[in-house]
PDB file of N, CA and C in Angstrom:
ATOM      1  N   MET A   1      -8.138  44.683 -11.305  1.00  0.00           N
ATOM      2  CA  MET A   1      -7.100  45.145 -12.193  1.00  0.00           C
ATOM      3  C   MET A   1      -5.728  45.032 -11.515  1.00  0.00           C
ATOM      4  N   ARG A   2      -5.710  45.312 -10.218  1.00  0.00           N
ATOM      5  CA  ARG A   2      -4.446  45.274  -9.497  1.00  0.00           C
ATOM      6  C   ARG A   2      -3.891  43.846  -9.437  1.00  0.00           C
ATOM      7  N   LYS A   3      -4.780  42.854  -9.245  1.00  0.00           N
ATOM      8  CA  LYS A   3      -4.349  41.458  -9.210  1.00  0.00           C
ATOM      9  C   LYS A   3      -3.819  41.019 -10.569  1.00  0.00           C
ATOM     10  N   LEU A   4      -4.422  41.503 -11.633  1.00  0.00           N
ATOM     11  CA  LEU A   4      -3.966  41.167 -12.974  1.00  0.00           C
ATOM     12  C   LEU A   4      -2.560  41.713 -13.220  1.00  0.00           C
ATOM     13  N   ASN A   5      -2.300  42.928 -12.775  1.00  0.00           N
ATOM     14  CA  ASN A   5      -0.955  43.503 -12.909  1.00  0.00           C
ATOM     15  C   ASN A   5       0.061  42.698 -12.101  1.00  0.00           C
ATOM     16  N   LEU A   6      -0.321  42.283 -10.895  1.00  0.00           N
ATOM     17  CA  LEU A   6       0.573  41.506 -10.051  1.00  0.00           C
ATOM     18  C   LEU A   6       0.905  40.165 -10.707  1.00  0.00           C
ATOM     19  N   VAL A   7      -0.085  39.505 -11.269  1.00  0.00           N
ATOM     20  CA  VAL A   7       0.148  38.234 -11.958  1.00  0.00           C
ATOM     21  C   VAL A   7       1.014  38.456 -13.190  1.00  0.00           C
ATOM     22  N   LEU A   8       0.775  39.504 -13.935  1.00  0.00           N
ATOM     23  CA  LEU A   8       1.559  39.808 -15.128  1.00  0.00           C
ATOM     24  C   LEU A   8       3.028  40.027 -14.774  1.00  0.00           C
ATOM     25  N   PHE A   9       3.295  40.802 -13.719  1.00  0.00           N
ATOM     26  CA  PHE A   9       4.676  41.039 -13.311  1.00  0.00           C
ATOM     27  C   PHE A   9       5.332  39.767 -12.774  1.00  0.00           C
ATOM     28  N   ALA A  10       4.575  38.930 -12.088  1.00  0.00           N
ATOM     29  CA  ALA A  10       5.122  37.678 -11.583  1.00  0.00           C
ATOM     30  C   ALA A  10       5.518  36.757 -12.731  1.00  0.00           C
ATOM     31  N   VAL A  11       4.662  36.680 -13.754  1.00  0.00           N
ATOM     32  CA  VAL A  11       4.972  35.849 -14.924  1.00  0.00           C
ATOM     33  C   VAL A  11       6.184  36.411 -15.659  1.00  0.00           C
ATOM     34  N   ALA A  12       6.265  37.711 -15.792  1.00  0.00           N
ATOM     35  CA  ALA A  12       7.409  38.334 -16.461  1.00  0.00           C
ATOM     36  C   ALA A  12       8.699  38.054 -15.679  1.00  0.00           C
ATOM     37  N   ALA A  13       8.645  38.103 -14.351  1.00  0.00           N
ATOM     38  CA  ALA A  13       9.834  37.834 -13.545  1.00  0.00           C
ATOM     39  C   ALA A  13      10.288  36.386 -13.706  1.00  0.00           C
ATOM     40  N   VAL A  14       9.341  35.460 -13.739  1.00  0.00           N
ATOM     41  CA  VAL A  14       9.698  34.051 -13.927  1.00  0.00           C
ATOM     42  C   VAL A  14      10.311  33.842 -15.303  1.00  0.00           C
ATOM     43  N   LEU A  15       9.751  34.457 -16.330  1.00  0.00           N
ATOM     44  CA  LEU A  15      10.293  34.314 -17.677  1.00  0.00           C
ATOM     45  C   LEU A  15      11.683  34.929 -17.793  1.00  0.00           C
ATOM     46  N   MET A  16      11.922  36.028 -17.083  1.00  0.00           N
ATOM     47  CA  MET A  16      13.242  36.659 -17.147  1.00  0.00           C
ATOM     48  C   MET A  16      14.293  35.801 -16.447  1.00  0.00           C
ATOM     49  N   THR A  17      13.936  35.101 -15.394  1.00  0.00           N
ATOM     50  CA  THR A  17      14.920  34.240 -14.744  1.00  0.00           C
ATOM     51  C   THR A  17      15.186  32.998 -15.586  1.00  0.00           C
ATOM     52  N   ALA A  18      14.226  32.569 -16.368  1.00  0.00           N
ATOM     53  CA  ALA A  18      14.430  31.404 -17.218  1.00  0.00           C
ATOM     54  C   ALA A  18      15.390  31.717 -18.358  1.00  0.00           C
ATOM     55  N   MET A  19      15.468  32.965 -18.785  1.00  0.00           N
ATOM     56  CA  MET A  19      16.362  33.320 -19.887  1.00  0.00           C
ATOM     57  C   MET A  19      17.817  33.067 -19.512  1.00  0.00           C
ATOM     58  N   THR A  20      18.191  33.302 -18.264  1.00  0.00           N
ATOM     59  CA  THR A  20      19.576  33.073 -17.868  1.00  0.00           C
ATOM     60  C   THR A  20      19.907  31.586 -17.873  1.00  0.00           C
ATOM     61  N   ALA A  21      18.946  30.749 -17.610  1.00  0.00           N
ATOM     62  CA  ALA A  21      19.192  29.310 -17.653  1.00  0.00           C
ATOM     63  C   ALA A  21      19.433  28.850 -19.082  1.00  0.00           C
ATOM     64  N   PHE A  22      18.744  29.430 -20.032  1.00  0.00           N
ATOM     65  CA  PHE A  22      18.947  29.051 -21.419  1.00  0.00           C
ATOM     66  C   PHE A  22      20.262  29.583 -21.979  1.00  0.00           C
ATOM     67  N   ALA A  23      20.830  30.600 -21.353  1.00  0.00           N
ATOM     68  CA  ALA A  23      22.069  31.183 -21.835  1.00  0.00           C
ATOM     69  C   ALA A  23      23.296  30.396 -21.392  1.00  0.00           C
ATOM     70  N   GLN A  24      23.134  29.457 -20.492  1.00  0.00           N
ATOM     71  CA  GLN A  24      24.270  28.699 -19.992  1.00  0.00           C
ATOM     72  C   GLN A  24      24.726  27.679 -21.022  1.00  0.00           C
ATOM     73  N   THR A  25      25.996  27.284 -20.877  1.00  0.00           N
ATOM     74  CA  THR A  25      26.520  26.232 -21.751  1.00  0.00           C
ATOM     75  C   THR A  25      25.960  24.887 -21.299  1.00  0.00           C
ATOM     76  N   PRO A  26      25.913  23.923 -22.176  1.00  0.00           N
ATOM     77  CA  PRO A  26      25.388  22.615 -21.784  1.00  0.00           C
ATOM     78  C   PRO A  26      26.232  21.994 -20.673  1.00  0.00           C
ATOM     79  N   ALA A  27      25.572  21.252 -19.818  1.00  0.00           N
ATOM     80  CA  ALA A  27      26.266  20.632 -18.684  1.00  0.00           C
ATOM     81  C   ALA A  27      27.192  19.537 -19.182  1.00  0.00           C
ATOM     82  N   ALA A  28      28.307  19.396 -18.522  1.00  0.00           N
ATOM     83  CA  ALA A  28      29.278  18.367 -18.899  1.00  0.00           C
ATOM     84  C   ALA A  28      28.793  17.004 -18.413  1.00  0.00           C
ATOM     85  N   ALA A  29      29.397  15.952 -18.937  1.00  0.00           N
ATOM     86  CA  ALA A  29      28.991  14.598 -18.577  1.00  0.00           C
ATOM     87  C   ALA A  29      29.357  14.281 -17.134  1.00  0.00           C
ATOM     88  N   ASP A  30      30.412  14.896 -16.619  1.00  0.00           N
ATOM     89  CA  ASP A  30      30.801  14.614 -15.241  1.00  0.00           C
ATOM     90  C   ASP A  30      29.803  15.186 -14.248  1.00  0.00           C
ATOM     91  N   HIS A  31      29.055  16.201 -14.642  1.00  0.00           N
ATOM     92  CA  HIS A  31      28.027  16.746 -13.761  1.00  0.00           C
ATOM     93  C   HIS A  31      26.936  15.707 -13.524  1.00  0.00           C
ATOM     94  N   ALA A  32      26.590  14.960 -14.550  1.00  0.00           N
ATOM     95  CA  ALA A  32      25.578  13.911 -14.383  1.00  0.00           C
ATOM     96  C   ALA A  32      26.105  12.807 -13.467  1.00  0.00           C
ATOM     97  N   ALA A  33      27.389  12.502 -13.577  1.00  0.00           N
ATOM     98  CA  ALA A  33      27.979  11.487 -12.704  1.00  0.00           C
ATOM     99  C   ALA A  33      27.998  11.966 -11.260  1.00  0.00           C
ATOM    100  N   ASP A  34      28.290  13.244 -11.033  1.00  0.00           N
ATOM    101  CA  ASP A  34      28.274  13.791  -9.681  1.00  0.00           C
ATOM    102  C   ASP A  34      26.873  13.730  -9.093  1.00  0.00           C
ATOM    103  N   SER A  35      25.884  14.035  -9.922  1.00  0.00           N
ATOM    104  CA  SER A  35      24.501  13.989  -9.459  1.00  0.00           C
ATOM    105  C   SER A  35      24.101  12.564  -9.099  1.00  0.00           C
ATOM    106  N   ALA A  36      24.523  11.604  -9.902  1.00  0.00           N
ATOM    107  CA  ALA A  36      24.189  10.209  -9.618  1.00  0.00           C
ATOM    108  C   ALA A  36      24.886   9.737  -8.353  1.00  0.00           C
ATOM    109  N   ALA A  37      26.099  10.175  -8.120  1.00  0.00           N
ATOM    110  CA  ALA A  37      26.820   9.796  -6.908  1.00  0.00           C
ATOM    111  C   ALA A  37      26.136  10.383  -5.682  1.00  0.00           C
ATOM    112  N   GLY A  38      25.657  11.599  -5.808  1.00  0.00           N
ATOM    113  CA  GLY A  38      24.940  12.217  -4.696  1.00  0.00           C
ATOM    114  C   GLY A  38      23.648  11.487  -4.383  1.00  0.00           C
ATOM    115  N   LEU A  39      22.932  11.108  -5.426  1.00  0.00           N
ATOM    116  CA  LEU A  39      21.687  10.364  -5.211  1.00  0.00           C
ATOM    117  C   LEU A  39      21.956   8.992  -4.621  1.00  0.00           C
ATOM    118  N   LYS A  40      23.061   8.371  -5.027  1.00  0.00           N
ATOM    119  CA  LYS A  40      23.436   7.073  -4.441  1.00  0.00           C
ATOM    120  C   LYS A  40      23.710   7.220  -2.951  1.00  0.00           C
ATOM    121  N   ALA A  41      24.401   8.283  -2.597  1.00  0.00           N
ATOM    122  CA  ALA A  41      24.729   8.500  -1.184  1.00  0.00           C
ATOM    123  C   ALA A  41      23.470   8.744  -0.356  1.00  0.00           C
ATOM    124  N   ILE A  42      22.551   9.510  -0.908  1.00  0.00           N
ATOM    125  CA  ILE A  42      21.295   9.759  -0.196  1.00  0.00           C
ATOM    126  C   ILE A  42      20.500   8.468  -0.042  1.00  0.00           C
ATOM    127  N   ALA A  43      20.419   7.682  -1.104  1.00  0.00           N
ATOM    128  CA  ALA A  43      19.689   6.416  -1.041  1.00  0.00           C
ATOM    129  C   ALA A  43      20.334   5.450  -0.057  1.00  0.00           C
ATOM    130  N   ALA A  44      21.665   5.420  -0.032  1.00  0.00           N
ATOM    131  CA  ALA A  44      22.357   4.545   0.915  1.00  0.00           C
ATOM    132  C   ALA A  44      22.102   4.990   2.348  1.00  0.00           C
ATOM    133  N   GLY A  45      22.104   6.288   2.583  1.00  0.00           N
ATOM    134  CA  GLY A  45      21.821   6.800   3.924  1.00  0.00           C
ATOM    135  C   GLY A  45      20.419   6.482   4.387  1.00  0.00           C
ATOM    136  N   VAL A  46      19.452   6.638   3.484  1.00  0.00           N
ATOM    137  CA  VAL A  46      18.064   6.318   3.835  1.00  0.00           C
ATOM    138  C   VAL A  46      17.909   4.823   4.087  1.00  0.00           C
ATOM    139  N   GLY A  47      18.533   4.004   3.254  1.00  0.00           N
ATOM    140  CA  GLY A  47      18.459   2.555   3.449  1.00  0.00           C
ATOM    141  C   GLY A  47      19.084   2.125   4.754  1.00  0.00           C
ATOM    142  N   PHE A  48      20.220   2.719   5.099  1.00  0.00           N
ATOM    143  CA  PHE A  48      20.867   2.365   6.356  1.00  0.00           C
ATOM    144  C   PHE A  48      20.035   2.849   7.536  1.00  0.00           C
ATOM    145  N   ALA A  49      19.398   3.998   7.400  1.00  0.00           N
ATOM    146  CA  ALA A  49      18.537   4.491   8.477  1.00  0.00           C
ATOM    147  C   ALA A  49      17.373   3.533   8.722  1.00  0.00           C
ATOM    148  N   ILE A  50      16.804   3.001   7.651  1.00  0.00           N
ATOM    149  CA  ILE A  50      15.718   2.026   7.798  1.00  0.00           C
ATOM    150  C   ILE A  50      16.227   0.773   8.491  1.00  0.00           C
ATOM    151  N   ALA A  51      17.431   0.323   8.140  1.00  0.00           N
ATOM    152  CA  ALA A  51      18.005  -0.865   8.784  1.00  0.00           C
ATOM    153  C   ALA A  51      18.255  -0.616  10.265  1.00  0.00           C
ATOM    154  N   VAL A  52      18.732   0.559  10.609  1.00  0.00           N
ATOM    155  CA  VAL A  52      19.007   0.881  12.005  1.00  0.00           C
ATOM    156  C   VAL A  52      17.711   0.962  12.809  1.00  0.00           C
ATOM    157  N   VAL A  53      16.694   1.571  12.233  1.00  0.00           N
ATOM    158  CA  VAL A  53      15.404   1.661  12.932  1.00  0.00           C
ATOM    159  C   VAL A  53      14.835   0.267  13.149  1.00  0.00           C
ATOM    160  N   GLY A  54      14.901  -0.579  12.131  1.00  0.00           N
ATOM    161  CA  GLY A  54      14.410  -1.948  12.285  1.00  0.00           C
ATOM    162  C   GLY A  54      15.175  -2.718  13.345  1.00  0.00           C
ATOM    163  N   GLY A  55      16.492  -2.550  13.365  1.00  0.00           N
ATOM    164  CA  GLY A  55      17.309  -3.215  14.378  1.00  0.00           C
ATOM    165  C   GLY A  55      16.999  -2.710  15.780  1.00  0.00           C
ATOM    166  N   ALA A  56      16.797  -1.408  15.916  1.00  0.00           N
ATOM    167  CA  ALA A  56      16.483  -0.839  17.226  1.00  0.00           C
ATOM    168  C   ALA A  56      15.132  -1.332  17.730  1.00  0.00           C
ATOM    169  N   ILE A  57      14.161  -1.415  16.846  1.00  0.00           N
ATOM    170  CA  ILE A  57      12.843  -1.921  17.246  1.00  0.00           C
ATOM    171  C   ILE A  57      12.947  -3.385  17.658  1.00  0.00           C
ATOM    172  N   GLY A  58      13.690  -4.177  16.886  1.00  0.00           N
ATOM    173  CA  GLY A  58      13.858  -5.587  17.223  1.00  0.00           C
ATOM    174  C   GLY A  58      14.573  -5.782  18.547  1.00  0.00           C
ATOM    175  N   GLN A  59      15.615  -5.001  18.789  1.00  0.00           N
ATOM    176  CA  GLN A  59      16.348  -5.127  20.045  1.00  0.00           C
ATOM    177  C   GLN A  59      15.494  -4.695  21.229  1.00  0.00           C
ATOM    178  N   SER A  60      14.706  -3.653  21.060  1.00  0.00           N
ATOM    179  CA  SER A  60      13.856  -3.218  22.167  1.00  0.00           C
ATOM    180  C   SER A  60      12.775  -4.247  22.477  1.00  0.00           C
ATOM    181  N   ARG A  61      12.235  -4.877  21.440  1.00  0.00           N
ATOM    182  CA  ARG A  61      11.224  -5.915  21.683  1.00  0.00           C
ATOM    183  C   ARG A  61      11.835  -7.135  22.357  1.00  0.00           C
ATOM    184  N   ILE A  62      13.056  -7.504  21.976  1.00  0.00           N
ATOM    185  CA  ILE A  62      13.722  -8.632  22.632  1.00  0.00           C
ATOM    186  C   ILE A  62      13.986  -8.304  24.099  1.00  0.00           C
ATOM    187  N   GLY A  63      14.448  -7.103  24.374  1.00  0.00           N
ATOM    188  CA  GLY A  63      14.708  -6.702  25.753  1.00  0.00           C
ATOM    189  C   GLY A  63      13.445  -6.706  26.598  1.00  0.00           C
ATOM    190  N   ALA A  64      12.364  -6.172  26.038  1.00  0.00           N
ATOM    191  CA  ALA A  64      11.100  -6.146  26.779  1.00  0.00           C
ATOM    192  C   ALA A  64      10.578  -7.557  27.036  1.00  0.00           C
ATOM    193  N   ALA A  65      10.675  -8.416  26.024  1.00  0.00           N
ATOM    194  CA  ALA A  65      10.191  -9.790  26.197  1.00  0.00           C
ATOM    195  C   ALA A  65      11.044 -10.554  27.197  1.00  0.00           C
ATOM    196  N   ALA A  66      12.353 -10.298  27.206  1.00  0.00           N
ATOM    197  CA  ALA A  66      13.228 -10.974  28.169  1.00  0.00           C
ATOM    198  C   ALA A  66      12.927 -10.520  29.593  1.00  0.00           C
ATOM    199  N   CYS A  67      12.704  -9.237  29.772  1.00  0.00           N
ATOM    200  CA  CYS A  67      12.354  -8.740  31.112  1.00  0.00           C
ATOM    201  C   CYS A  67      11.029  -9.320  31.581  1.00  0.00           C
ATOM    202  N   GLU A  68      10.068  -9.374  30.693  1.00  0.00           N
ATOM    203  CA  GLU A  68       8.758  -9.938  31.046  1.00  0.00           C
ATOM    204  C   GLU A  68       8.874 -11.432  31.357  1.00  0.00           C
ATOM    205  N   GLY A  69       9.660 -12.153  30.561  1.00  0.00           N
ATOM    206  CA  GLY A  69       9.832 -13.582  30.803  1.00  0.00           C
ATOM    207  C   GLY A  69      10.553 -13.858  32.102  1.00  0.00           C
ATOM    208  N   ALA A  70      11.567 -13.064  32.424  1.00  0.00           N
ATOM    209  CA  ALA A  70      12.294 -13.254  33.676  1.00  0.00           C
ATOM    210  C   ALA A  70      11.413 -12.888  34.870  1.00  0.00           C
ATOM    211  N   ALA A  71      10.544 -11.909  34.701  1.00  0.00           N
ATOM    212  CA  ALA A  71       9.645 -11.532  35.795  1.00  0.00           C
ATOM    213  C   ALA A  71       8.588 -12.611  36.033  1.00  0.00           C
ATOM    214  N   ARG A  72       8.128 -13.248  34.987  1.00  0.00           N
ATOM    215  CA  ARG A  72       7.117 -14.301  35.139  1.00  0.00           C
ATOM    216  C   ARG A  72       7.709 -15.591  35.688  1.00  0.00           C
ATOM    217  N   ASN A  73       8.946 -15.904  35.274  1.00  0.00           N
ATOM    218  CA  ASN A  73       9.577 -17.155  35.691  1.00  0.00           C
ATOM    219  C   ASN A  73      11.034 -16.869  36.068  1.00  0.00           C
ATOM    220  N   PRO A  74      11.280 -16.473  37.311  1.00  0.00           N
ATOM    221  CA  PRO A  74      12.642 -16.129  37.717  1.00  0.00           C
ATOM    222  C   PRO A  74      13.618 -17.307  37.638  1.00  0.00           C
ATOM    223  N   GLY A  75      13.118 -18.512  37.700  1.00  0.00           N
ATOM    224  CA  GLY A  75      14.000 -19.670  37.619  1.00  0.00           C
ATOM    225  C   GLY A  75      14.615 -19.848  36.240  1.00  0.00           C
ATOM    226  N   ALA A  76      13.951 -19.365  35.206  1.00  0.00           N
ATOM    227  CA  ALA A  76      14.446 -19.506  33.837  1.00  0.00           C
ATOM    228  C   ALA A  76      15.173 -18.252  33.360  1.00  0.00           C
ATOM    229  N   ALA A  77      15.485 -17.348  34.259  1.00  0.00           N
ATOM    230  CA  ALA A  77      16.100 -16.072  33.863  1.00  0.00           C
ATOM    231  C   ALA A  77      17.449 -16.269  33.190  1.00  0.00           C
ATOM    232  N   ALA A  78      18.231 -17.257  33.627  1.00  0.00           N
ATOM    233  CA  ALA A  78      19.556 -17.476  33.023  1.00  0.00           C
ATOM    234  C   ALA A  78      19.428 -17.927  31.575  1.00  0.00           C
ATOM    235  N   LYS A  79      18.491 -18.858  31.309  1.00  0.00           N
ATOM    236  CA  LYS A  79      18.282 -19.309  29.921  1.00  0.00           C
ATOM    237  C   LYS A  79      17.724 -18.182  29.060  1.00  0.00           C
ATOM    238  N   ILE A  80      16.818 -17.405  29.624  1.00  0.00           N
ATOM    239  CA  ILE A  80      16.227 -16.292  28.877  1.00  0.00           C
ATOM    240  C   ILE A  80      17.312 -15.262  28.538  1.00  0.00           C
ATOM    241  N   GLN A  81      18.202 -14.996  29.503  1.00  0.00           N
ATOM    242  CA  GLN A  81      19.267 -14.020  29.261  1.00  0.00           C
ATOM    243  C   GLN A  81      20.218 -14.503  28.173  1.00  0.00           C
ATOM    244  N   THR A  82      20.528 -15.795  28.169  1.00  0.00           N
ATOM    245  CA  THR A  82      21.417 -16.345  27.135  1.00  0.00           C
ATOM    246  C   THR A  82      20.791 -16.210  25.748  1.00  0.00           C
ATOM    247  N   MET A  83      19.506 -16.565  25.658  1.00  0.00           N
ATOM    248  CA  MET A  83      18.824 -16.442  24.351  1.00  0.00           C
ATOM    249  C   MET A  83      18.677 -14.989  23.945  1.00  0.00           C
ATOM    250  N   MET A  84      18.469 -14.088  24.922  1.00  0.00           N
ATOM    251  CA  MET A  84      18.354 -12.668  24.607  1.00  0.00           C
ATOM    252  C   MET A  84      19.668 -12.132  24.038  1.00  0.00           C
ATOM    253  N   ILE A  85      20.780 -12.484  24.662  1.00  0.00           N
ATOM    254  CA  ILE A  85      22.085 -12.004  24.183  1.00  0.00           C
ATOM    255  C   ILE A  85      22.372 -12.539  22.782  1.00  0.00           C
ATOM    256  N   LEU A  86      22.017 -13.782  22.524  1.00  0.00           N
ATOM    257  CA  LEU A  86      22.202 -14.353  21.187  1.00  0.00           C
ATOM    258  C   LEU A  86      21.355 -13.606  20.157  1.00  0.00           C
ATOM    259  N   GLY A  87      20.103 -13.339  20.491  1.00  0.00           N
ATOM    260  CA  GLY A  87      19.238 -12.583  19.577  1.00  0.00           C
ATOM    261  C   GLY A  87      19.738 -11.178  19.328  1.00  0.00           C
ATOM    262  N   LEU A  88      20.205 -10.518  20.393  1.00  0.00           N
ATOM    263  CA  LEU A  88      20.741  -9.165  20.228  1.00  0.00           C
ATOM    264  C   LEU A  88      21.978  -9.157  19.345  1.00  0.00           C
ATOM    265  N   ALA A  89      22.828 -10.156  19.498  1.00  0.00           N
ATOM    266  CA  ALA A  89      24.036 -10.237  18.671  1.00  0.00           C
ATOM    267  C   ALA A  89      23.678 -10.451  17.204  1.00  0.00           C
ATOM    268  N   LEU A  90      22.686 -11.299  16.949  1.00  0.00           N
ATOM    269  CA  LEU A  90      22.292 -11.543  15.553  1.00  0.00           C
ATOM    270  C   LEU A  90      21.673 -10.300  14.919  1.00  0.00           C
ATOM    271  N   ILE A  91      20.848  -9.587  15.670  1.00  0.00           N
ATOM    272  CA  ILE A  91      20.245  -8.361  15.130  1.00  0.00           C
ATOM    273  C   ILE A  91      21.328  -7.317  14.866  1.00  0.00           C
ATOM    274  N   GLU A  92      22.257  -7.177  15.793  1.00  0.00           N
ATOM    275  CA  GLU A  92      23.321  -6.189  15.607  1.00  0.00           C
ATOM    276  C   GLU A  92      24.198  -6.550  14.412  1.00  0.00           C
ATOM    277  N   SER A  93      24.415  -7.843  14.190  1.00  0.00           N
ATOM    278  CA  SER A  93      25.223  -8.237  13.030  1.00  0.00           C
ATOM    279  C   SER A  93      24.509  -7.894  11.728  1.00  0.00           C
ATOM    280  N   LEU A  94      23.194  -7.990  11.702  1.00  0.00           N
ATOM    281  CA  LEU A  94      22.462  -7.602  10.495  1.00  0.00           C
ATOM    282  C   LEU A  94      22.600  -6.107  10.218  1.00  0.00           C
ATOM    283  N   VAL A  95      22.567  -5.310  11.263  1.00  0.00           N
ATOM    284  CA  VAL A  95      22.749  -3.867  11.080  1.00  0.00           C
ATOM    285  C   VAL A  95      24.168  -3.563  10.598  1.00  0.00           C
ATOM    286  N   LEU A  96      25.145  -4.278  11.130  1.00  0.00           N
ATOM    287  CA  LEU A  96      26.521  -4.071  10.670  1.00  0.00           C
ATOM    288  C   LEU A  96      26.709  -4.521   9.224  1.00  0.00           C
ATOM    289  N   PHE A  97      26.021  -5.585   8.820  1.00  0.00           N
ATOM    290  CA  PHE A  97      26.065  -5.994   7.409  1.00  0.00           C
ATOM    291  C   PHE A  97      25.444  -4.925   6.521  1.00  0.00           C
ATOM    292  N   ALA A  98      24.373  -4.298   6.985  1.00  0.00           N
ATOM    293  CA  ALA A  98      23.772  -3.206   6.220  1.00  0.00           C
ATOM    294  C   ALA A  98      24.753  -2.050   6.072  1.00  0.00           C
ATOM    295  N   LEU A  99      25.498  -1.740   7.138  1.00  0.00           N
ATOM    296  CA  LEU A  99      26.518  -0.692   7.053  1.00  0.00           C
ATOM    297  C   LEU A  99      27.606  -1.063   6.056  1.00  0.00           C
ATOM    298  N   LEU A 100      27.994  -2.320   6.043  1.00  0.00           N
ATOM    299  CA  LEU A 100      28.999  -2.804   5.106  1.00  0.00           C
ATOM    300  C   LEU A 100      28.512  -2.647   3.662  1.00  0.00           C
ATOM    301  N   VAL A 101      27.256  -2.974   3.424  1.00  0.00           N
ATOM    302  CA  VAL A 101      26.682  -2.842   2.079  1.00  0.00           C
ATOM    303  C   VAL A 101      26.641  -1.377   1.665  1.00  0.00           C
ATOM    304  N   VAL A 102      26.314  -0.499   2.582  1.00  0.00           N
ATOM    305  CA  VAL A 102      26.271   0.938   2.285  1.00  0.00           C
ATOM    306  C   VAL A 102      27.649   1.414   1.832  1.00  0.00           C
ATOM    307  N   PHE A 103      28.694   1.027   2.549  1.00  0.00           N
ATOM    308  CA  PHE A 103      30.042   1.458   2.165  1.00  0.00           C
ATOM    309  C   PHE A 103      30.509   0.789   0.892  1.00  0.00           C
ATOM    310  N   ALA A 104      30.038  -0.406   0.617  1.00  0.00           N
ATOM    311  CA  ALA A 104      30.450  -1.091  -0.606  1.00  0.00           C
ATOM    312  C   ALA A 104      29.781  -0.493  -1.840  1.00  0.00           C
ATOM    313  N   LYS A 105      28.572  -0.009  -1.701  1.00  0.00           N
ATOM    314  CA  LYS A 105      27.827   0.518  -2.847  1.00  0.00           C
ATOM    315  C   LYS A 105      28.125   1.983  -3.137  1.00  0.00           C
ATOM    316  N   VAL A 106      28.545   2.730  -2.154  1.00  0.00           N
ATOM    317  CA  VAL A 106      28.766   4.163  -2.374  1.00  0.00           C
ATOM    318  C   VAL A 106      30.153   4.455  -2.769  1.00  0.00           C
TER     319      VAL A 106
END
């Protein structure tokens, strides 16, 4: 019986809070635009975070492979370093393009 009373009061409390929501005036059209802008910003942030994580993983793999290649063949270390720097620059440019797209869309 005690659990039934607790459930009854909980349902009554939820219904009483819903009444205040129905008493409000309808939302203006600019509120929907603000909500859409907020969602755009969140989506842009998540997308940029994914781009940054991908770039960081790619750069770390290039660095590890360059170190391993230079350790295996010290004579080719200069060529490996040149190719590593080129790869790092290209990956970083992709991340910067993602940042540019984020600012252009938001």
